[in-house]
Amino acid sequence: MTEQNTLPAPARRSGYVLMLVLGTMSFALLIALGSWQVQRLYWKEELLAQITERTQSPPLPLAEMEVKYRATGDVDYWPVTLSGTFEHSGERHFLATWQGQSGFHVYAPLKLDDGRYVLVNRGFVPYDFKDAAKRPVGQVTGPVSIAGLARNPLEGKPGSLVPDNDLKKNVFYWKDLGVMAKTAGLPADAVVLPFFVDADKTANPGGLPVGGVTMVEMPNNHLQYAVTWYGLAAALLGVMGFWLLRRPEGK
């Protein structure tokens, strides 16, 4: 005689009800996760299409990009051209990786002809080349012309798991435009444009920083995730159906 058969009928019925409730809740959760991934799939496809459309558009002069930003608050991935003079002493360093190597994206203030500034992501340097003294050839002087992609500022820290920026060591874990500008040693009355510019892959003297590091290709695995969650839901439904069919009459 099995242990189940020794249980009173009310206890067995309570066990069946509990299993049915748990199975139903699990099924609903799996369906919800699958549906969420479908929503993420549509969002990612729209984002990738938008990035492709923008990056393939003709570049706009910086003045026109400013007009676009004031009108929409969104200039992400729009090609832009600008000119000015780098203030290399104000480099800010954003922790990043490039082609499997750890290091930093170098953000340098570019002083425009009208005296304002824009923070330009000049590109990637390996970890051991954070100190600009180790890459003096790349510290170009005088007027320069730059082509790249405009990038929106972040509204805030991306998440609680992201470390706080280490201002003493000049290591940024998230791109806080306001703080990056304030700690760059610019004049107290300096006006800094409210968006970044990522320089294109035009080679810098000496090879560093390595430009063109903007990530325009993003993984899109949401369909696989959705199929996985829906598949688990279908499997659970099959198990629950088999279990119900095998349940003894009146139990």
Protein backbone atom coordinates (compact mmCIF):
# COMPACT_ATOMS: atom_id res chain seq x y z
CA MET A 1 0.00 0.00 0.00
CA THR A 2 1.48 3.37 -1.02
CA GLU A 3 1.74 6.35 1.29
CA GLN A 4 -0.72 8.28 -0.92
CA ASN A 5 -3.39 5.63 -0.47
CA THR A 6 -3.09 5.84 3.31
CA LEU A 7 -4.03 9.55 3.27
CA PRO A 8 -7.61 10.48 4.00
CA ALA A 9 -9.69 11.47 0.95
CA PRO A 10 -9.94 15.17 2.00
CA ALA A 11 -6.14 15.38 2.28
CA ARG A 12 -5.71 13.80 -1.14
CA ARG A 13 -8.19 16.23 -2.67
CA SER A 14 -6.37 19.18 -1.03
CA GLY A 15 -3.10 17.93 -2.50
CA TYR A 16 -4.62 17.71 -5.96
CA VAL A 17 -6.05 21.24 -5.65
CA LEU A 18 -2.68 22.60 -4.51
CA MET A 19 -0.89 20.95 -7.42
CA LEU A 20 -3.48 22.28 -9.85
CA VAL A 21 -3.16 25.82 -8.48
CA LEU A 22 0.65 25.71 -8.58
CA GLY A 23 0.60 24.29 -12.10
CA THR A 24 -1.81 26.96 -13.30
CA MET A 25 0.27 29.74 -11.74
CA SER A 26 3.46 28.34 -13.29
CA PHE A 27 1.80 28.09 -16.70
CA ALA A 28 0.58 31.69 -16.47
CA LEU A 29 4.07 32.85 -15.46
CA LEU A 30 5.72 31.05 -18.39
CA ILE A 31 3.19 32.51 -20.84
CA ALA A 32 3.78 35.98 -19.39
CA LEU A 33 7.56 35.61 -19.76
CA GLY A 34 7.17 34.46 -23.35
CA SER A 35 4.85 37.35 -24.16
CA TRP A 36 7.29 39.80 -22.59
CA GLN A 37 10.05 38.48 -24.81
CA VAL A 38 7.80 38.94 -27.86
CA GLN A 39 7.30 42.57 -26.84
CA ARG A 40 11.05 42.94 -26.40
CA LEU A 41 11.54 41.40 -29.84
CA TYR A 42 9.33 44.03 -31.49
CA TRP A 43 11.09 46.79 -29.52
CA LYS A 44 14.55 45.53 -30.49
CA GLU A 45 13.63 45.18 -34.16
CA GLU A 46 12.28 48.74 -34.23
CA LEU A 47 15.41 50.00 -32.46
CA LEU A 48 17.76 48.23 -34.88
CA ALA A 49 15.81 49.51 -37.87
CA GLN A 50 15.97 53.04 -36.47
CA ILE A 51 19.72 52.79 -35.85
CA THR A 52 20.30 51.50 -39.39
CA GLU A 53 18.23 54.29 -40.90
CA ARG A 54 19.97 56.99 -38.91
CA THR A 55 23.55 55.79 -39.29
CA GLN A 56 23.11 55.60 -43.06
CA SER A 57 21.78 59.15 -43.29
CA PRO A 58 23.95 62.03 -44.55
CA PRO A 59 25.84 63.79 -41.74
CA LEU A 60 24.47 67.03 -40.36
CA PRO A 61 26.52 70.03 -39.26
CA LEU A 62 26.66 70.45 -35.50
CA ALA A 63 24.41 73.51 -35.62
CA GLU A 64 21.63 71.50 -37.26
CA MET A 65 22.11 68.69 -34.76
CA GLU A 66 21.59 71.19 -31.95
CA VAL A 67 18.32 72.30 -33.56
CA LYS A 68 17.22 68.66 -33.81
CA TYR A 69 18.04 68.04 -30.15
CA ARG A 70 16.16 71.12 -28.98
CA ALA A 71 13.15 70.04 -31.03
CA THR A 72 13.07 66.33 -30.15
CA GLY A 73 15.51 65.65 -27.32
CA ASP A 74 16.73 62.69 -29.38
CA VAL A 75 19.79 62.73 -31.61
CA ASP A 76 21.02 59.21 -30.91
CA TYR A 77 23.02 57.71 -33.80
CA TRP A 78 22.55 60.66 -36.18
CA PRO A 79 25.77 61.34 -38.14
CA VAL A 80 27.27 64.74 -37.37
CA THR A 81 30.29 66.82 -38.35
CA LEU A 82 32.00 69.40 -36.16
CA SER A 83 35.31 71.16 -35.65
CA GLY A 84 37.22 72.67 -32.78
CA THR A 85 40.24 72.20 -30.54
CA PHE A 86 40.63 69.43 -27.99
CA GLU A 87 41.25 70.24 -24.33
CA HIS A 88 43.14 67.02 -23.59
CA SER A 89 43.73 67.91 -19.95
CA GLY A 90 40.02 67.36 -19.39
CA GLU A 91 39.93 63.75 -20.54
CA ARG A 92 37.29 61.65 -18.82
CA HIS A 93 37.64 57.86 -18.90
CA PHE A 94 34.70 55.48 -19.25
CA LEU A 95 35.42 51.83 -18.40
CA ALA A 96 34.74 49.70 -21.46
CA THR A 97 35.86 46.77 -23.58
CA TRP A 98 36.73 46.65 -27.23
CA GLN A 99 37.21 43.46 -29.24
CA GLY A 100 37.71 41.48 -26.03
CA GLN A 101 40.22 43.88 -24.50
CA SER A 102 39.54 45.87 -21.34
CA GLY A 103 40.25 49.57 -21.21
CA PHE A 104 38.57 52.93 -21.51
CA HIS A 105 36.68 55.15 -23.89
CA VAL A 106 38.38 58.53 -23.85
CA TYR A 107 35.98 61.46 -23.64
CA ALA A 108 37.73 64.76 -24.36
CA PRO A 109 36.20 68.26 -24.34
CA LEU A 110 36.27 69.82 -27.79
CA LYS A 111 36.25 73.62 -27.69
CA LEU A 112 34.15 75.00 -30.51
CA ASP A 113 34.86 78.23 -32.38
CA ASP A 114 32.13 80.02 -30.40
CA GLY A 115 33.75 79.05 -27.08
CA ARG A 116 31.30 76.33 -26.14
CA TYR A 117 32.28 72.69 -25.59
CA VAL A 118 31.11 69.23 -26.58
CA LEU A 119 32.32 65.98 -25.03
CA VAL A 120 33.72 63.77 -27.79
CA ASN A 121 34.29 60.06 -27.37
CA ARG A 122 37.59 59.82 -29.23
CA GLY A 123 37.65 56.04 -28.93
CA PHE A 124 39.18 53.15 -27.02
CA VAL A 125 42.53 52.84 -25.27
CA PRO A 126 43.78 49.67 -23.53
CA TYR A 127 43.77 49.68 -19.74
CA ASP A 128 47.51 50.36 -19.49
CA PHE A 129 47.16 53.44 -21.70
CA LYS A 130 44.69 55.33 -19.55
CA ASP A 131 47.44 57.83 -18.74
CA ALA A 132 47.61 60.23 -21.70
CA ALA A 133 51.37 60.57 -21.15
CA LYS A 134 51.75 57.06 -22.55
CA ARG A 135 50.13 58.05 -25.86
CA PRO A 136 51.44 61.58 -26.52
CA VAL A 137 51.30 61.27 -30.32
CA GLY A 138 47.55 60.88 -30.18
CA GLN A 139 47.05 64.14 -28.27
CA VAL A 140 46.49 66.18 -31.39
CA THR A 141 46.83 69.95 -31.08
CA GLY A 142 45.24 72.76 -33.01
CA PRO A 143 41.96 72.80 -34.93
CA VAL A 144 40.53 69.43 -35.94
CA SER A 145 37.52 68.32 -37.94
CA ILE A 146 35.52 65.37 -36.66
CA ALA A 147 32.84 63.15 -38.10
CA GLY A 148 30.89 60.82 -35.87
CA LEU A 149 27.56 59.96 -34.32
CA ALA A 150 25.61 62.09 -31.88
CA ARG A 151 24.61 60.25 -28.70
CA ASN A 152 21.91 61.13 -26.21
CA PRO A 153 22.87 61.69 -22.57
CA LEU A 154 21.60 59.19 -20.02
CA GLU A 155 18.68 60.29 -17.86
CA GLY A 156 20.32 58.75 -14.82
CA LYS A 157 22.28 55.81 -13.51
CA PRO A 158 21.32 52.74 -15.59
CA GLY A 159 20.69 50.53 -12.56
CA SER A 160 21.53 49.76 -8.95
CA LEU A 161 24.09 47.14 -9.98
CA VAL A 162 26.18 49.74 -11.83
CA PRO A 163 28.96 51.06 -9.55
CA ASP A 164 29.15 54.73 -8.67
CA ASN A 165 31.57 56.73 -10.79
CA ASP A 166 35.00 57.06 -9.18
CA LEU A 167 35.77 60.75 -9.62
CA LYS A 168 39.09 60.61 -7.74
CA LYS A 169 40.47 58.01 -10.12
CA ASN A 170 38.69 59.50 -13.14
CA VAL A 171 36.93 56.22 -13.87
CA PHE A 172 33.33 56.41 -15.03
CA TYR A 173 31.11 53.33 -14.95
CA TRP A 174 28.21 55.19 -16.55
CA LYS A 175 28.22 58.26 -18.76
CA ASP A 176 27.05 61.09 -16.54
CA LEU A 177 27.45 64.00 -18.94
CA GLY A 178 26.93 66.69 -16.32
CA VAL A 179 29.53 65.31 -13.92
CA MET A 180 31.97 64.50 -16.71
CA ALA A 181 31.78 68.11 -17.86
CA LYS A 182 32.04 69.59 -14.34
CA THR A 183 35.13 67.54 -13.50
CA ALA A 184 36.96 68.20 -16.78
CA GLY A 185 38.60 71.38 -15.54
CA LEU A 186 36.67 73.65 -17.89
CA PRO A 187 36.03 77.33 -17.06
CA ALA A 188 33.33 77.87 -14.45
CA ASP A 189 31.09 79.57 -17.00
CA ALA A 190 31.72 76.98 -19.73
CA VAL A 191 28.69 75.99 -21.81
CA VAL A 192 28.69 72.27 -22.68
CA LEU A 193 26.35 70.88 -25.33
CA PRO A 194 23.73 68.50 -23.86
CA PHE A 195 24.76 65.47 -25.93
CA PHE A 196 27.89 63.48 -26.72
CA VAL A 197 29.58 62.83 -30.04
CA ASP A 198 31.25 59.48 -30.78
CA ALA A 199 34.10 60.00 -33.25
CA ASP A 200 34.21 57.71 -36.27
CA LYS A 201 37.00 55.25 -37.06
CA THR A 202 39.28 57.83 -38.69
CA ALA A 203 42.72 56.87 -37.36
CA ASN A 204 44.30 59.05 -34.70
CA PRO A 205 48.06 59.72 -34.82
CA GLY A 206 49.90 56.88 -33.14
CA GLY A 207 46.81 54.66 -33.37
CA LEU A 208 45.30 55.66 -30.02
CA PRO A 209 42.54 56.22 -29.18
CA VAL A 210 40.89 53.74 -31.58
CA GLY A 211 37.84 55.49 -32.99
CA GLY A 212 34.59 54.12 -34.32
CA VAL A 213 33.66 52.22 -31.15
CA THR A 214 29.94 53.03 -31.18
CA MET A 215 27.96 49.82 -30.85
CA VAL A 216 25.45 49.84 -33.72
CA GLU A 217 24.94 46.06 -33.92
CA MET A 218 23.13 44.59 -30.95
CA PRO A 219 22.26 40.97 -30.16
CA ASN A 220 18.63 40.10 -30.75
CA ASN A 221 17.85 36.75 -29.12
CA HIS A 222 14.35 37.57 -27.91
CA LEU A 223 12.67 35.19 -30.36
CA GLN A 224 14.72 32.30 -29.00
CA TYR A 225 13.85 33.29 -25.44
CA ALA A 226 10.14 33.55 -26.32
CA VAL A 227 10.17 30.11 -27.94
CA THR A 228 11.89 28.70 -24.85
CA TRP A 229 9.32 30.11 -22.42
CA TYR A 230 6.38 29.08 -24.61
CA GLY A 231 7.91 25.64 -25.05
CA LEU A 232 8.22 25.20 -21.30
CA ALA A 233 4.61 26.31 -20.92
CA ALA A 234 3.49 23.72 -23.50
CA ALA A 235 5.52 21.01 -21.76
CA LEU A 236 4.01 21.92 -18.41
CA LEU A 237 0.53 21.86 -19.92
CA GLY A 238 1.21 18.37 -21.27
CA VAL A 239 2.46 17.14 -17.89
CA MET A 240 -0.53 18.63 -16.10
CA GLY A 241 -2.94 17.10 -18.63
CA PHE A 242 -1.33 13.68 -18.26
CA TRP A 243 -1.48 13.98 -14.49
CA LEU A 244 -5.16 14.94 -14.56
CA LEU A 245 -6.04 12.09 -16.90
CA ARG A 246 -4.33 9.59 -14.62
CA ARG A 247 -6.04 10.93 -11.54
CA PRO A 248 -8.34 8.27 -10.09
CA GLU A 249 -12.07 8.91 -10.31
CA GLY A 250 -13.40 10.98 -7.42
CA LYS A 251 -9.93 11.65 -5.98
